[in-house]
Amino acid sequence: MDKRRMQILQEIINNPKTNLSTLEKKLVQIVAQLIIDWKKLNNWVKEIGNRWIGNSVYVFRGGRNQSDIMSGRFNCSSYDLRLLERKI
């Protein structure tokens, strides 16, 4: 979420005319933080994907040892496993 959107959310939360309860204000803040965290996660996934797209090769049963991983040799399941384990 860009700075301007966060500023607008803060203005809504702090504006007495919005008549938000304490709980509603907290919920707005939590949702804003979740959006920020989601964007960070999305950027991280893109970064990891871009690191290996075009820089890895498919090898049957590849990616099951550190040498394969460092050389960018994967098969589908080992690539997914490494990504989910955040080891690449």
PDB file of N, CA and C in Angstrom:
ATOM      1  N   MET A   1       0.854  -1.161   0.000  1.00  0.00           N
ATOM      2  CA  MET A   1       0.000   0.000   0.000  1.00  0.00           C
ATOM      3  C   MET A   1       0.901   1.225   0.000  1.00  0.00           C
ATOM      4  N   ASP A   2       0.619   2.159  -0.860  1.00  0.00           N
ATOM      5  CA  ASP A   2       1.493   3.325  -0.946  1.00  0.00           C
ATOM      6  C   ASP A   2       1.232   4.288   0.210  1.00  0.00           C
ATOM      7  N   LYS A   3       2.123   5.261   0.330  1.00  0.00           N
ATOM      8  CA  LYS A   3       2.052   6.198   1.452  1.00  0.00           C
ATOM      9  C   LYS A   3       0.737   6.971   1.465  1.00  0.00           C
ATOM     10  N   ARG A   4       0.275   7.373   0.294  1.00  0.00           N
ATOM     11  CA  ARG A   4      -0.949   8.173   0.221  1.00  0.00           C
ATOM     12  C   ARG A   4      -2.153   7.401   0.766  1.00  0.00           C
ATOM     13  N   ARG A   5      -2.265   6.148   0.407  1.00  0.00           N
ATOM     14  CA  ARG A   5      -3.387   5.340   0.891  1.00  0.00           C
ATOM     15  C   ARG A   5      -3.319   5.168   2.410  1.00  0.00           C
ATOM     16  N   MET A   6      -2.116   4.961   2.929  1.00  0.00           N
ATOM     17  CA  MET A   6      -1.974   4.841   4.384  1.00  0.00           C
ATOM     18  C   MET A   6      -2.354   6.154   5.051  1.00  0.00           C
ATOM     19  N   GLN A   7      -1.973   7.268   4.432  1.00  0.00           N
ATOM     20  CA  GLN A   7      -2.313   8.573   4.981  1.00  0.00           C
ATOM     21  C   GLN A   7      -3.838   8.757   5.021  1.00  0.00           C
ATOM     22  N   ILE A   8      -4.522   8.343   3.951  1.00  0.00           N
ATOM     23  CA  ILE A   8      -5.979   8.445   3.909  1.00  0.00           C
ATOM     24  C   ILE A   8      -6.601   7.597   5.014  1.00  0.00           C
ATOM     25  N   LEU A   9      -6.087   6.362   5.191  1.00  0.00           N
ATOM     26  CA  LEU A   9      -6.602   5.511   6.268  1.00  0.00           C
ATOM     27  C   LEU A   9      -6.405   6.159   7.636  1.00  0.00           C
ATOM     28  N   GLN A  10      -5.240   6.750   7.851  1.00  0.00           N
ATOM     29  CA  GLN A  10      -4.974   7.416   9.129  1.00  0.00           C
ATOM     30  C   GLN A  10      -5.919   8.600   9.326  1.00  0.00           C
ATOM     31  N   GLU A  11      -6.195   9.329   8.239  1.00  0.00           N
ATOM     32  CA  GLU A  11      -7.126  10.454   8.336  1.00  0.00           C
ATOM     33  C   GLU A  11      -8.528   9.967   8.698  1.00  0.00           C
ATOM     34  N   ILE A  12      -8.942   8.865   8.107  1.00  0.00           N
ATOM     35  CA  ILE A  12     -10.256   8.298   8.436  1.00  0.00           C
ATOM     36  C   ILE A  12     -10.300   7.889   9.899  1.00  0.00           C
ATOM     37  N   ILE A  13      -9.267   7.219  10.345  1.00  0.00           N
ATOM     38  CA  ILE A  13      -9.216   6.743  11.734  1.00  0.00           C
ATOM     39  C   ILE A  13      -9.217   7.921  12.714  1.00  0.00           C
ATOM     40  N   ASN A  14      -8.466   8.966  12.400  1.00  0.00           N
ATOM     41  CA  ASN A  14      -8.295  10.082  13.334  1.00  0.00           C
ATOM     42  C   ASN A  14      -9.374  11.156  13.227  1.00  0.00           C
ATOM     43  N   ASN A  15     -10.188  11.114  12.199  1.00  0.00           N
ATOM     44  CA  ASN A  15     -11.215  12.132  11.995  1.00  0.00           C
ATOM     45  C   ASN A  15     -12.397  11.859  12.928  1.00  0.00           C
ATOM     46  N   PRO A  16     -12.705  12.805  13.822  1.00  0.00           N
ATOM     47  CA  PRO A  16     -13.818  12.572  14.755  1.00  0.00           C
ATOM     48  C   PRO A  16     -15.170  12.460  14.058  1.00  0.00           C
ATOM     49  N   LYS A  17     -15.294  12.999  12.859  1.00  0.00           N
ATOM     50  CA  LYS A  17     -16.565  12.951  12.136  1.00  0.00           C
ATOM     51  C   LYS A  17     -16.877  11.553  11.593  1.00  0.00           C
ATOM     52  N   THR A  18     -15.867  10.686  11.487  1.00  0.00           N
ATOM     53  CA  THR A  18     -16.131   9.338  10.977  1.00  0.00           C
ATOM     54  C   THR A  18     -16.860   8.491  12.008  1.00  0.00           C
ATOM     55  N   ASN A  19     -16.784   8.906  13.270  1.00  0.00           N
ATOM     56  CA  ASN A  19     -17.517   8.241  14.344  1.00  0.00           C
ATOM     57  C   ASN A  19     -17.231   6.738  14.429  1.00  0.00           C
ATOM     58  N   LEU A  20     -15.969   6.374  14.276  1.00  0.00           N
ATOM     59  CA  LEU A  20     -15.583   4.971  14.387  1.00  0.00           C
ATOM     60  C   LEU A  20     -15.342   4.622  15.847  1.00  0.00           C
ATOM     61  N   SER A  21     -15.776   3.442  16.229  1.00  0.00           N
ATOM     62  CA  SER A  21     -15.479   2.961  17.583  1.00  0.00           C
ATOM     63  C   SER A  21     -14.003   2.567  17.648  1.00  0.00           C
ATOM     64  N   THR A  22     -13.529   2.372  18.839  1.00  0.00           N
ATOM     65  CA  THR A  22     -12.140   1.939  19.035  1.00  0.00           C
ATOM     66  C   THR A  22     -11.883   0.624  18.305  1.00  0.00           C
ATOM     67  N   LEU A  23     -12.832  -0.279  18.395  1.00  0.00           N
ATOM     68  CA  LEU A  23     -12.695  -1.569  17.729  1.00  0.00           C
ATOM     69  C   LEU A  23     -12.640  -1.396  16.209  1.00  0.00           C
ATOM     70  N   GLU A  24     -13.499  -0.558  15.666  1.00  0.00           N
ATOM     71  CA  GLU A  24     -13.498  -0.335  14.218  1.00  0.00           C
ATOM     72  C   GLU A  24     -12.188   0.292  13.755  1.00  0.00           C
ATOM     73  N   LYS A  25     -11.668   1.227  14.545  1.00  0.00           N
ATOM     74  CA  LYS A  25     -10.376   1.839  14.204  1.00  0.00           C
ATOM     75  C   LYS A  25      -9.270   0.784  14.195  1.00  0.00           C
ATOM     76  N   LYS A  26      -9.297  -0.079  15.201  1.00  0.00           N
ATOM     77  CA  LYS A  26      -8.281  -1.136  15.279  1.00  0.00           C
ATOM     78  C   LYS A  26      -8.417  -2.079  14.090  1.00  0.00           C
ATOM     79  N   LEU A  27      -9.645  -2.409  13.704  1.00  0.00           N
ATOM     80  CA  LEU A  27      -9.852  -3.283  12.543  1.00  0.00           C
ATOM     81  C   LEU A  27      -9.324  -2.645  11.262  1.00  0.00           C
ATOM     82  N   VAL A  28      -9.526  -1.354  11.088  1.00  0.00           N
ATOM     83  CA  VAL A  28      -8.992  -0.655   9.908  1.00  0.00           C
ATOM     84  C   VAL A  28      -7.473  -0.748   9.901  1.00  0.00           C
ATOM     85  N   GLN A  29      -6.853  -0.550  11.061  1.00  0.00           N
ATOM     86  CA  GLN A  29      -5.393  -0.641  11.154  1.00  0.00           C
ATOM     87  C   GLN A  29      -4.897  -2.051  10.844  1.00  0.00           C
ATOM     88  N   ILE A  30      -5.604  -3.051  11.351  1.00  0.00           N
ATOM     89  CA  ILE A  30      -5.211  -4.447  11.102  1.00  0.00           C
ATOM     90  C   ILE A  30      -5.326  -4.772   9.621  1.00  0.00           C
ATOM     91  N   VAL A  31      -6.417  -4.365   8.991  1.00  0.00           N
ATOM     92  CA  VAL A  31      -6.597  -4.620   7.559  1.00  0.00           C
ATOM     93  C   VAL A  31      -5.502  -3.926   6.757  1.00  0.00           C
ATOM     94  N   ALA A  32      -5.184  -2.695   7.125  1.00  0.00           N
ATOM     95  CA  ALA A  32      -4.115  -1.968   6.425  1.00  0.00           C
ATOM     96  C   ALA A  32      -2.794  -2.715   6.549  1.00  0.00           C
ATOM     97  N   GLN A  33      -2.492  -3.225   7.743  1.00  0.00           N
ATOM     98  CA  GLN A  33      -1.239  -3.968   7.939  1.00  0.00           C
ATOM     99  C   GLN A  33      -1.241  -5.268   7.152  1.00  0.00           C
ATOM    100  N   LEU A  34      -2.376  -5.947   7.097  1.00  0.00           N
ATOM    101  CA  LEU A  34      -2.465  -7.185   6.313  1.00  0.00           C
ATOM    102  C   LEU A  34      -2.212  -6.913   4.838  1.00  0.00           C
ATOM    103  N   ILE A  35      -2.733  -5.800   4.341  1.00  0.00           N
ATOM    104  CA  ILE A  35      -2.502  -5.439   2.937  1.00  0.00           C
ATOM    105  C   ILE A  35      -1.016  -5.199   2.696  1.00  0.00           C
ATOM    106  N   ILE A  36      -0.381  -4.496   3.622  1.00  0.00           N
ATOM    107  CA  ILE A  36       1.060  -4.245   3.488  1.00  0.00           C
ATOM    108  C   ILE A  36       1.834  -5.560   3.516  1.00  0.00           C
ATOM    109  N   ASP A  37       1.507  -6.446   4.470  1.00  0.00           N
ATOM    110  CA  ASP A  37       2.203  -7.732   4.576  1.00  0.00           C
ATOM    111  C   ASP A  37       1.988  -8.574   3.322  1.00  0.00           C
ATOM    112  N   TRP A  38       0.771  -8.559   2.779  1.00  0.00           N
ATOM    113  CA  TRP A  38       0.477  -9.323   1.570  1.00  0.00           C
ATOM    114  C   TRP A  38       1.315  -8.817   0.409  1.00  0.00           C
ATOM    115  N   LYS A  39       1.459  -7.508   0.287  1.00  0.00           N
ATOM    116  CA  LYS A  39       2.270  -6.946  -0.799  1.00  0.00           C
ATOM    117  C   LYS A  39       3.739  -7.339  -0.622  1.00  0.00           C
ATOM    118  N   LYS A  40       4.228  -7.361   0.608  1.00  0.00           N
ATOM    119  CA  LYS A  40       5.609  -7.781   0.856  1.00  0.00           C
ATOM    120  C   LYS A  40       5.797  -9.237   0.444  1.00  0.00           C
ATOM    121  N   LEU A  41       4.843 -10.098   0.816  1.00  0.00           N
ATOM    122  CA  LEU A  41       4.910 -11.506   0.441  1.00  0.00           C
ATOM    123  C   LEU A  41       4.862 -11.660  -1.073  1.00  0.00           C
ATOM    124  N   ASN A  42       3.976 -10.936  -1.707  1.00  0.00           N
ATOM    125  CA  ASN A  42       3.848 -10.979  -3.162  1.00  0.00           C
ATOM    126  C   ASN A  42       5.162 -10.570  -3.830  1.00  0.00           C
ATOM    127  N   ASN A  43       5.784  -9.515  -3.337  1.00  0.00           N
ATOM    128  CA  ASN A  43       7.066  -9.073  -3.895  1.00  0.00           C
ATOM    129  C   ASN A  43       8.153 -10.117  -3.674  1.00  0.00           C
ATOM    130  N   TRP A  44       8.133 -10.763  -2.510  1.00  0.00           N
ATOM    131  CA  TRP A  44       9.133 -11.794  -2.218  1.00  0.00           C
ATOM    132  C   TRP A  44       8.990 -12.966  -3.186  1.00  0.00           C
ATOM    133  N   VAL A  45       7.750 -13.407  -3.423  1.00  0.00           N
ATOM    134  CA  VAL A  45       7.514 -14.520  -4.348  1.00  0.00           C
ATOM    135  C   VAL A  45       7.975 -14.141  -5.747  1.00  0.00           C
ATOM    136  N   LYS A  46       7.679 -12.931  -6.187  1.00  0.00           N
ATOM    137  CA  LYS A  46       8.126 -12.476  -7.508  1.00  0.00           C
ATOM    138  C   LYS A  46       9.652 -12.467  -7.597  1.00  0.00           C
ATOM    139  N   GLU A  47      10.290 -11.999  -6.542  1.00  0.00           N
ATOM    140  CA  GLU A  47      11.761 -11.942  -6.526  1.00  0.00           C
ATOM    141  C   GLU A  47      12.364 -13.338  -6.650  1.00  0.00           C
ATOM    142  N   ILE A  48      11.840 -14.283  -5.877  1.00  0.00           N
ATOM    143  CA  ILE A  48      12.338 -15.653  -5.941  1.00  0.00           C
ATOM    144  C   ILE A  48      12.082 -16.251  -7.320  1.00  0.00           C
ATOM    145  N   GLY A  49      10.856 -16.057  -7.835  1.00  0.00           N
ATOM    146  CA  GLY A  49      10.527 -16.577  -9.160  1.00  0.00           C
ATOM    147  C   GLY A  49      11.424 -15.991 -10.230  1.00  0.00           C
ATOM    148  N   ASN A  50      11.639 -14.692 -10.190  1.00  0.00           N
ATOM    149  CA  ASN A  50      12.481 -14.044 -11.200  1.00  0.00           C
ATOM    150  C   ASN A  50      13.930 -14.494 -11.114  1.00  0.00           C
ATOM    151  N   ARG A  51      14.352 -14.893  -9.926  1.00  0.00           N
ATOM    152  CA  ARG A  51      15.727 -15.372  -9.767  1.00  0.00           C
ATOM    153  C   ARG A  51      15.946 -16.661 -10.564  1.00  0.00           C
ATOM    154  N   TRP A  52      14.912 -17.523 -10.637  1.00  0.00           N
ATOM    155  CA  TRP A  52      15.082 -18.835 -11.244  1.00  0.00           C
ATOM    156  C   TRP A  52      14.466 -18.970 -12.630  1.00  0.00           C
ATOM    157  N   ILE A  53      13.509 -18.125 -12.999  1.00  0.00           N
ATOM    158  CA  ILE A  53      12.919 -18.216 -14.345  1.00  0.00           C
ATOM    159  C   ILE A  53      13.988 -17.868 -15.361  1.00  0.00           C
ATOM    160  N   GLY A  54      14.224 -18.788 -16.259  1.00  0.00           N
ATOM    161  CA  GLY A  54      15.268 -18.605 -17.271  1.00  0.00           C
ATOM    162  C   GLY A  54      16.660 -18.944 -16.774  1.00  0.00           C
ATOM    163  N   ASN A  55      16.798 -19.227 -15.496  1.00  0.00           N
ATOM    164  CA  ASN A  55      18.105 -19.546 -14.914  1.00  0.00           C
ATOM    165  C   ASN A  55      18.128 -20.929 -14.280  1.00  0.00           C
ATOM    166  N   SER A  56      17.158 -21.758 -14.637  1.00  0.00           N
ATOM    167  CA  SER A  56      17.126 -23.113 -14.101  1.00  0.00           C
ATOM    168  C   SER A  56      16.744 -24.063 -15.228  1.00  0.00           C
ATOM    169  N   VAL A  57      17.072 -25.313 -15.035  1.00  0.00           N
ATOM    170  CA  VAL A  57      16.768 -26.320 -16.060  1.00  0.00           C
ATOM    171  C   VAL A  57      15.992 -27.459 -15.406  1.00  0.00           C
ATOM    172  N   TYR A  58      15.141 -28.088 -16.226  1.00  0.00           N
ATOM    173  CA  TYR A  58      14.409 -29.251 -15.754  1.00  0.00           C
ATOM    174  C   TYR A  58      15.321 -30.467 -15.842  1.00  0.00           C
ATOM    175  N   VAL A  59      15.466 -31.176 -14.752  1.00  0.00           N
ATOM    176  CA  VAL A  59      16.233 -32.411 -14.705  1.00  0.00           C
ATOM    177  C   VAL A  59      15.384 -33.424 -13.949  1.00  0.00           C
ATOM    178  N   PHE A  60      15.138 -34.564 -14.558  1.00  0.00           N
ATOM    179  CA  PHE A  60      14.361 -35.594 -13.880  1.00  0.00           C
ATOM    180  C   PHE A  60      15.012 -35.896 -12.537  1.00  0.00           C
ATOM    181  N   ARG A  61      14.236 -35.822 -11.469  1.00  0.00           N
ATOM    182  CA  ARG A  61      14.695 -36.012 -10.098  1.00  0.00           C
ATOM    183  C   ARG A  61      15.729 -34.975  -9.670  1.00  0.00           C
ATOM    184  N   GLY A  62      15.775 -33.856 -10.366  1.00  0.00           N
ATOM    185  CA  GLY A  62      16.725 -32.795 -10.016  1.00  0.00           C
ATOM    186  C   GLY A  62      16.282 -32.039  -8.783  1.00  0.00           C
ATOM    187  N   GLY A  63      17.205 -31.305  -8.185  1.00  0.00           N
ATOM    188  CA  GLY A  63      16.892 -30.469  -7.041  1.00  0.00           C
ATOM    189  C   GLY A  63      16.827 -31.191  -5.720  1.00  0.00           C
ATOM    190  N   ARG A  64      17.378 -32.387  -5.678  1.00  0.00           N
ATOM    191  CA  ARG A  64      17.287 -33.155  -4.436  1.00  0.00           C
ATOM    192  C   ARG A  64      18.565 -33.100  -3.603  1.00  0.00           C
ATOM    193  N   ASN A  65      19.537 -32.378  -4.070  1.00  0.00           N
ATOM    194  CA  ASN A  65      20.741 -32.184  -3.270  1.00  0.00           C
ATOM    195  C   ASN A  65      21.218 -30.743  -3.439  1.00  0.00           C
ATOM    196  N   GLN A  66      22.114 -30.335  -2.588  1.00  0.00           N
ATOM    197  CA  GLN A  66      22.551 -28.937  -2.567  1.00  0.00           C
ATOM    198  C   GLN A  66      23.240 -28.533  -3.866  1.00  0.00           C
ATOM    199  N   SER A  67      23.991 -29.438  -4.482  1.00  0.00           N
ATOM    200  CA  SER A  67      24.667 -29.132  -5.744  1.00  0.00           C
ATOM    201  C   SER A  67      23.651 -28.803  -6.841  1.00  0.00           C
ATOM    202  N   ASP A  68      22.595 -29.622  -6.943  1.00  0.00           N
ATOM    203  CA  ASP A  68      21.541 -29.344  -7.928  1.00  0.00           C
ATOM    204  C   ASP A  68      20.869 -28.002  -7.654  1.00  0.00           C
ATOM    205  N   ILE A  69      20.556 -27.762  -6.402  1.00  0.00           N
ATOM    206  CA  ILE A  69      19.863 -26.524  -6.041  1.00  0.00           C
ATOM    207  C   ILE A  69      20.703 -25.312  -6.418  1.00  0.00           C
ATOM    208  N   MET A  70      21.953 -25.329  -6.055  1.00  0.00           N
ATOM    209  CA  MET A  70      22.826 -24.194  -6.347  1.00  0.00           C
ATOM    210  C   MET A  70      23.058 -24.011  -7.844  1.00  0.00           C
ATOM    211  N   SER A  71      22.931 -25.086  -8.606  1.00  0.00           N
ATOM    212  CA  SER A  71      23.116 -25.015 -10.057  1.00  0.00           C
ATOM    213  C   SER A  71      21.822 -24.731 -10.801  1.00  0.00           C
ATOM    214  N   GLY A  72      20.708 -24.659 -10.072  1.00  0.00           N
ATOM    215  CA  GLY A  72      19.440 -24.370 -10.709  1.00  0.00           C
ATOM    216  C   GLY A  72      18.844 -25.546 -11.456  1.00  0.00           C
ATOM    217  N   ARG A  73      19.134 -26.761 -11.003  1.00  0.00           N
ATOM    218  CA  ARG A  73      18.570 -27.965 -11.627  1.00  0.00           C
ATOM    219  C   ARG A  73      17.428 -28.475 -10.760  1.00  0.00           C
ATOM    220  N   PHE A  74      16.220 -28.462 -11.321  1.00  0.00           N
ATOM    221  CA  PHE A  74      15.035 -28.845 -10.563  1.00  0.00           C
ATOM    222  C   PHE A  74      14.116 -29.686 -11.424  1.00  0.00           C
ATOM    223  N   ASN A  75      13.284 -30.481 -10.768  1.00  0.00           N
ATOM    224  CA  ASN A  75      12.084 -30.971 -11.423  1.00  0.00           C
ATOM    225  C   ASN A  75      10.931 -30.249 -10.751  1.00  0.00           C
ATOM    226  N   CYS A  76       9.738 -30.440 -11.228  1.00  0.00           N
ATOM    227  CA  CYS A  76       8.605 -29.647 -10.716  1.00  0.00           C
ATOM    228  C   CYS A  76       8.414 -29.792  -9.213  1.00  0.00           C
ATOM    229  N   SER A  77       8.402 -31.031  -8.735  1.00  0.00           N
ATOM    230  CA  SER A  77       8.102 -31.221  -7.316  1.00  0.00           C
ATOM    231  C   SER A  77       9.230 -30.714  -6.424  1.00  0.00           C
ATOM    232  N   SER A  78      10.467 -30.890  -6.807  1.00  0.00           N
ATOM    233  CA  SER A  78      11.550 -30.408  -5.952  1.00  0.00           C
ATOM    234  C   SER A  78      11.616 -28.886  -5.957  1.00  0.00           C
ATOM    235  N   TYR A  79      11.288 -28.257  -7.097  1.00  0.00           N
ATOM    236  CA  TYR A  79      11.257 -26.793  -7.149  1.00  0.00           C
ATOM    237  C   TYR A  79      10.184 -26.271  -6.197  1.00  0.00           C
ATOM    238  N   ASP A  80       8.991 -26.847  -6.280  1.00  0.00           N
ATOM    239  CA  ASP A  80       7.897 -26.423  -5.403  1.00  0.00           C
ATOM    240  C   ASP A  80       8.254 -26.652  -3.940  1.00  0.00           C
ATOM    241  N   LEU A  81       8.837 -27.795  -3.647  1.00  0.00           N
ATOM    242  CA  LEU A  81       9.214 -28.108  -2.273  1.00  0.00           C
ATOM    243  C   LEU A  81      10.224 -27.096  -1.745  1.00  0.00           C
ATOM    244  N   ARG A  82      11.244 -26.812  -2.530  1.00  0.00           N
ATOM    245  CA  ARG A  82      12.272 -25.860  -2.087  1.00  0.00           C
ATOM    246  C   ARG A  82      11.677 -24.475  -1.898  1.00  0.00           C
ATOM    247  N   LEU A  83      10.800 -24.074  -2.794  1.00  0.00           N
ATOM    248  CA  LEU A  83      10.167 -22.769  -2.675  1.00  0.00           C
ATOM    249  C   LEU A  83       9.346 -22.701  -1.393  1.00  0.00           C
ATOM    250  N   LEU A  84       8.557 -23.739  -1.130  1.00  0.00           N
ATOM    251  CA  LEU A  84       7.724 -23.745   0.062  1.00  0.00           C
ATOM    252  C   LEU A  84       8.566 -23.810   1.339  1.00  0.00           C
ATOM    253  N   GLU A  85       9.696 -24.471   1.262  1.00  0.00           N
ATOM    254  CA  GLU A  85      10.583 -24.536   2.426  1.00  0.00           C
ATOM    255  C   GLU A  85      11.447 -23.283   2.527  1.00  0.00           C
ATOM    256  N   ARG A  86      11.349 -22.427   1.530  1.00  0.00           N
ATOM    257  CA  ARG A  86      12.140 -21.180   1.459  1.00  0.00           C
ATOM    258  C   ARG A  86      13.634 -21.449   1.509  1.00  0.00           C
ATOM    259  N   LYS A  87      14.039 -22.489   0.811  1.00  0.00           N
ATOM    260  CA  LYS A  87      15.459 -22.840   0.785  1.00  0.00           C
ATOM    261  C   LYS A  87      16.140 -22.365  -0.486  1.00  0.00           C
ATOM    262  N   ILE A  88      15.380 -21.707  -1.367  1.00  0.00           N
ATOM    263  CA  ILE A  88      16.026 -21.173  -2.570  1.00  0.00           C
ATOM    264  C   ILE A  88      15.822 -19.686  -2.618  1.00  0.00           C
TER     265      ILE A  88
END
